[in-house]
Amino acid sequence: MVPGGSGIKAGVNDKQNHYSIGQKMRDAIKAAAAAGAPNVIALAGDRKGLTDEEGLENGAVFLNSIKALAEEQGVTLCIELLNSKVNHPG
């Protein structure tokens, strides 16, 4: 599993992060493919006032923007969701 450049504080659920994370993810996808690593991970990120629906939609928009490159490179995109009820409030 290769890290894709997103994090808990700056995840793919927030559209403001899409540009900066996008280039990091593209680089990670290419590096993973070159190294024979099958997966690149993206983190959803803290809510920061977003509703669940907004976060889901924003995450889908982001993943759709990079999925063609991942498919072309033979890399699977994995999303790590955070448990806001136990250890990741917000």
N, C-alpha and C. Protein backbone atom coordinates (compact mmCIF):
# COMPACT_ATOMS: atom_id res chain seq x y z
N MET A 1 0.85 -1.18 0.00
CA MET A 1 0.00 0.00 0.00
C MET A 1 0.90 1.24 0.00
N VAL A 2 0.69 2.07 -0.97
CA VAL A 2 1.48 3.30 -1.12
C VAL A 2 0.63 4.48 -0.66
N PRO A 3 1.18 5.38 0.18
CA PRO A 3 0.40 6.56 0.58
C PRO A 3 0.21 7.50 -0.60
N GLY A 4 -0.99 8.08 -0.67
CA GLY A 4 -1.33 8.90 -1.82
C GLY A 4 -1.28 10.40 -1.63
N GLY A 5 -0.90 10.86 -0.45
CA GLY A 5 -0.76 12.30 -0.25
C GLY A 5 -1.89 12.97 0.49
N SER A 6 -2.93 12.23 0.82
CA SER A 6 -4.00 12.81 1.62
C SER A 6 -3.74 12.47 3.08
N GLY A 7 -4.50 13.09 3.97
CA GLY A 7 -4.30 12.83 5.39
C GLY A 7 -5.57 13.04 6.18
N ILE A 8 -5.47 12.87 7.47
CA ILE A 8 -6.63 13.04 8.33
C ILE A 8 -7.09 14.50 8.30
N LYS A 9 -6.18 15.42 8.38
CA LYS A 9 -6.54 16.84 8.41
C LYS A 9 -6.85 17.39 7.02
N ALA A 10 -6.30 16.81 5.99
CA ALA A 10 -6.52 17.28 4.61
C ALA A 10 -6.83 16.08 3.73
N GLY A 11 -8.12 15.71 3.68
CA GLY A 11 -8.53 14.53 2.93
C GLY A 11 -9.32 14.86 1.68
N VAL A 12 -9.75 13.80 1.02
CA VAL A 12 -10.44 13.96 -0.27
C VAL A 12 -11.91 14.35 -0.12
N ASN A 13 -12.40 14.40 1.13
CA ASN A 13 -13.79 14.82 1.34
C ASN A 13 -13.97 16.32 1.20
N ASP A 14 -12.89 17.08 1.16
CA ASP A 14 -12.94 18.54 1.07
C ASP A 14 -12.43 18.98 -0.30
N LYS A 15 -13.28 19.62 -1.09
CA LYS A 15 -12.91 20.05 -2.44
C LYS A 15 -11.70 20.98 -2.45
N GLN A 16 -11.49 21.71 -1.39
CA GLN A 16 -10.35 22.63 -1.33
C GLN A 16 -9.02 21.88 -1.36
N ASN A 17 -9.03 20.60 -1.04
CA ASN A 17 -7.80 19.80 -1.04
C ASN A 17 -7.55 19.07 -2.36
N HIS A 18 -8.52 19.05 -3.24
CA HIS A 18 -8.43 18.22 -4.44
C HIS A 18 -7.24 18.56 -5.33
N TYR A 19 -6.96 19.81 -5.53
CA TYR A 19 -5.86 20.18 -6.43
C TYR A 19 -4.52 19.69 -5.87
N SER A 20 -4.25 20.01 -4.62
CA SER A 20 -2.94 19.64 -4.05
C SER A 20 -2.79 18.13 -3.89
N ILE A 21 -3.85 17.47 -3.45
CA ILE A 21 -3.79 16.01 -3.29
C ILE A 21 -3.76 15.32 -4.65
N GLY A 22 -4.42 15.91 -5.64
CA GLY A 22 -4.49 15.29 -6.96
C GLY A 22 -3.13 15.01 -7.57
N GLN A 23 -2.25 15.98 -7.54
CA GLN A 23 -0.91 15.76 -8.11
C GLN A 23 -0.13 14.72 -7.31
N LYS A 24 -0.26 14.76 -5.99
CA LYS A 24 0.42 13.76 -5.15
C LYS A 24 -0.11 12.37 -5.45
N MET A 25 -1.41 12.25 -5.64
CA MET A 25 -2.00 10.94 -5.96
C MET A 25 -1.54 10.44 -7.32
N ARG A 26 -1.48 11.33 -8.30
CA ARG A 26 -1.00 10.91 -9.63
C ARG A 26 0.44 10.41 -9.55
N ASP A 27 1.26 11.13 -8.81
CA ASP A 27 2.65 10.71 -8.64
C ASP A 27 2.73 9.37 -7.90
N ALA A 28 1.90 9.21 -6.87
CA ALA A 28 1.89 7.97 -6.10
C ALA A 28 1.43 6.79 -6.94
N ILE A 29 0.44 7.00 -7.79
CA ILE A 29 -0.06 5.94 -8.67
C ILE A 29 1.04 5.48 -9.62
N LYS A 30 1.73 6.43 -10.21
CA LYS A 30 2.83 6.08 -11.14
C LYS A 30 3.97 5.39 -10.41
N ALA A 31 4.30 5.87 -9.21
CA ALA A 31 5.38 5.25 -8.43
C ALA A 31 4.98 3.84 -7.99
N ALA A 32 3.73 3.67 -7.59
CA ALA A 32 3.27 2.34 -7.18
C ALA A 32 3.35 1.37 -8.34
N ALA A 33 2.91 1.79 -9.49
CA ALA A 33 2.96 0.92 -10.67
C ALA A 33 4.41 0.55 -11.01
N ALA A 34 5.29 1.53 -10.96
CA ALA A 34 6.70 1.28 -11.28
C ALA A 34 7.33 0.30 -10.29
N ALA A 35 6.88 0.35 -9.04
CA ALA A 35 7.45 -0.52 -8.01
C ALA A 35 6.72 -1.85 -7.90
N GLY A 36 5.64 -2.01 -8.65
CA GLY A 36 4.86 -3.24 -8.56
C GLY A 36 3.95 -3.30 -7.35
N ALA A 37 3.71 -2.16 -6.72
CA ALA A 37 2.79 -2.10 -5.57
C ALA A 37 1.37 -2.00 -6.10
N PRO A 38 0.45 -2.82 -5.62
CA PRO A 38 -0.87 -2.88 -6.22
C PRO A 38 -1.86 -1.79 -5.78
N ASN A 39 -1.59 -1.11 -4.66
CA ASN A 39 -2.60 -0.22 -4.08
C ASN A 39 -2.04 1.14 -3.70
N VAL A 40 -2.87 2.17 -3.85
CA VAL A 40 -2.58 3.51 -3.34
C VAL A 40 -3.75 3.90 -2.45
N ILE A 41 -3.45 4.44 -1.28
CA ILE A 41 -4.48 4.78 -0.32
C ILE A 41 -4.76 6.28 -0.28
N ALA A 42 -6.02 6.61 -0.14
CA ALA A 42 -6.46 7.99 0.07
C ALA A 42 -7.24 8.02 1.37
N LEU A 43 -7.09 9.08 2.14
CA LEU A 43 -7.84 9.24 3.37
C LEU A 43 -9.00 10.19 3.15
N ALA A 44 -10.14 9.86 3.74
CA ALA A 44 -11.33 10.70 3.61
C ALA A 44 -11.09 12.07 4.22
N GLY A 45 -10.54 12.12 5.41
CA GLY A 45 -10.26 13.39 6.08
C GLY A 45 -11.31 13.78 7.09
N ASP A 46 -10.96 14.73 7.95
CA ASP A 46 -11.89 15.26 8.94
C ASP A 46 -13.05 15.98 8.25
N ARG A 47 -14.18 16.02 8.92
CA ARG A 47 -15.38 16.64 8.35
C ARG A 47 -15.24 18.15 8.19
N LYS A 48 -14.74 18.82 9.18
CA LYS A 48 -14.61 20.29 9.15
C LYS A 48 -15.92 20.97 8.76
N GLY A 49 -17.01 20.50 9.34
CA GLY A 49 -18.31 21.11 9.08
C GLY A 49 -19.07 20.55 7.89
N LEU A 50 -18.47 19.67 7.12
CA LEU A 50 -19.15 19.06 5.98
C LEU A 50 -20.15 18.01 6.47
N THR A 51 -21.24 17.87 5.77
CA THR A 51 -22.16 16.78 6.08
C THR A 51 -21.59 15.49 5.50
N ASP A 52 -22.13 14.37 5.95
CA ASP A 52 -21.70 13.08 5.38
C ASP A 52 -21.92 13.07 3.87
N GLU A 53 -23.06 13.58 3.44
CA GLU A 53 -23.40 13.57 2.01
C GLU A 53 -22.41 14.42 1.21
N GLU A 54 -22.05 15.59 1.72
CA GLU A 54 -21.07 16.45 1.03
C GLU A 54 -19.72 15.75 0.93
N GLY A 55 -19.30 15.13 2.03
CA GLY A 55 -18.02 14.43 2.03
C GLY A 55 -17.99 13.27 1.06
N LEU A 56 -19.10 12.51 1.02
CA LEU A 56 -19.19 11.39 0.08
C LEU A 56 -19.14 11.87 -1.36
N GLU A 57 -19.90 12.91 -1.67
CA GLU A 57 -19.93 13.45 -3.03
C GLU A 57 -18.56 14.00 -3.43
N ASN A 58 -17.93 14.76 -2.54
CA ASN A 58 -16.61 15.32 -2.84
C ASN A 58 -15.58 14.22 -3.03
N GLY A 59 -15.65 13.18 -2.20
CA GLY A 59 -14.72 12.06 -2.35
C GLY A 59 -14.91 11.34 -3.68
N ALA A 60 -16.17 11.15 -4.07
CA ALA A 60 -16.46 10.49 -5.35
C ALA A 60 -15.96 11.32 -6.52
N VAL A 61 -16.15 12.63 -6.46
CA VAL A 61 -15.65 13.52 -7.51
C VAL A 61 -14.14 13.39 -7.63
N PHE A 62 -13.45 13.39 -6.49
CA PHE A 62 -11.99 13.28 -6.51
C PHE A 62 -11.55 11.95 -7.10
N LEU A 63 -12.10 10.86 -6.59
CA LEU A 63 -11.69 9.54 -7.07
C LEU A 63 -11.99 9.35 -8.55
N ASN A 64 -13.11 9.88 -9.00
CA ASN A 64 -13.43 9.80 -10.43
C ASN A 64 -12.42 10.57 -11.28
N SER A 65 -11.82 11.61 -10.71
CA SER A 65 -10.86 12.41 -11.48
C SER A 65 -9.51 11.70 -11.68
N ILE A 66 -9.23 10.69 -10.86
CA ILE A 66 -7.94 9.99 -10.98
C ILE A 66 -8.07 8.52 -11.33
N LYS A 67 -9.30 8.02 -11.44
CA LYS A 67 -9.47 6.58 -11.64
C LYS A 67 -8.94 6.09 -12.98
N ALA A 68 -9.02 6.89 -14.03
CA ALA A 68 -8.52 6.44 -15.33
C ALA A 68 -7.02 6.17 -15.28
N LEU A 69 -6.29 7.05 -14.62
CA LEU A 69 -4.84 6.84 -14.50
C LEU A 69 -4.56 5.58 -13.69
N ALA A 70 -5.29 5.38 -12.60
CA ALA A 70 -5.08 4.18 -11.79
C ALA A 70 -5.38 2.92 -12.60
N GLU A 71 -6.46 2.93 -13.35
CA GLU A 71 -6.81 1.77 -14.18
C GLU A 71 -5.73 1.52 -15.23
N GLU A 72 -5.28 2.59 -15.86
CA GLU A 72 -4.24 2.48 -16.89
C GLU A 72 -2.95 1.88 -16.32
N GLN A 73 -2.64 2.25 -15.07
CA GLN A 73 -1.41 1.79 -14.43
C GLN A 73 -1.58 0.46 -13.69
N GLY A 74 -2.80 -0.06 -13.63
CA GLY A 74 -3.05 -1.32 -12.94
C GLY A 74 -2.97 -1.20 -11.43
N VAL A 75 -3.35 -0.04 -10.91
CA VAL A 75 -3.28 0.23 -9.47
C VAL A 75 -4.70 0.38 -8.93
N THR A 76 -4.95 -0.20 -7.77
CA THR A 76 -6.24 -0.09 -7.10
C THR A 76 -6.20 1.07 -6.12
N LEU A 77 -7.22 1.92 -6.19
CA LEU A 77 -7.35 3.03 -5.23
C LEU A 77 -8.14 2.52 -4.02
N CYS A 78 -7.62 2.77 -2.84
CA CYS A 78 -8.27 2.36 -1.60
C CYS A 78 -8.55 3.61 -0.77
N ILE A 79 -9.72 3.67 -0.18
CA ILE A 79 -10.07 4.82 0.66
C ILE A 79 -10.16 4.36 2.11
N GLU A 80 -9.50 5.09 2.98
CA GLU A 80 -9.57 4.80 4.41
C GLU A 80 -10.56 5.76 5.04
N LEU A 81 -11.63 5.21 5.55
CA LEU A 81 -12.62 6.00 6.25
C LEU A 81 -12.23 6.07 7.72
N LEU A 82 -12.53 7.17 8.35
CA LEU A 82 -12.17 7.36 9.76
C LEU A 82 -13.40 7.13 10.65
N ASN A 83 -13.19 6.51 11.78
CA ASN A 83 -14.27 6.21 12.71
C ASN A 83 -14.48 7.41 13.63
N SER A 84 -15.44 8.25 13.29
CA SER A 84 -15.68 9.47 14.07
C SER A 84 -16.36 9.18 15.41
N LYS A 85 -16.89 7.99 15.57
CA LYS A 85 -17.58 7.66 16.81
C LYS A 85 -16.65 7.13 17.89
N VAL A 86 -15.45 6.68 17.51
CA VAL A 86 -14.55 6.07 18.48
C VAL A 86 -13.29 6.91 18.68
N ASN A 87 -12.50 7.10 17.64
CA ASN A 87 -11.19 7.71 17.87
C ASN A 87 -10.82 8.84 16.92
N HIS A 88 -11.71 9.28 16.09
CA HIS A 88 -11.43 10.40 15.18
C HIS A 88 -12.62 11.36 15.17
N PRO A 89 -12.84 12.06 16.28
CA PRO A 89 -13.99 12.99 16.27
C PRO A 89 -13.81 14.04 15.19
N GLY A 90 -14.90 14.36 14.51
CA GLY A 90 -14.83 15.37 13.45
C GLY A 90 -14.51 14.77 12.13
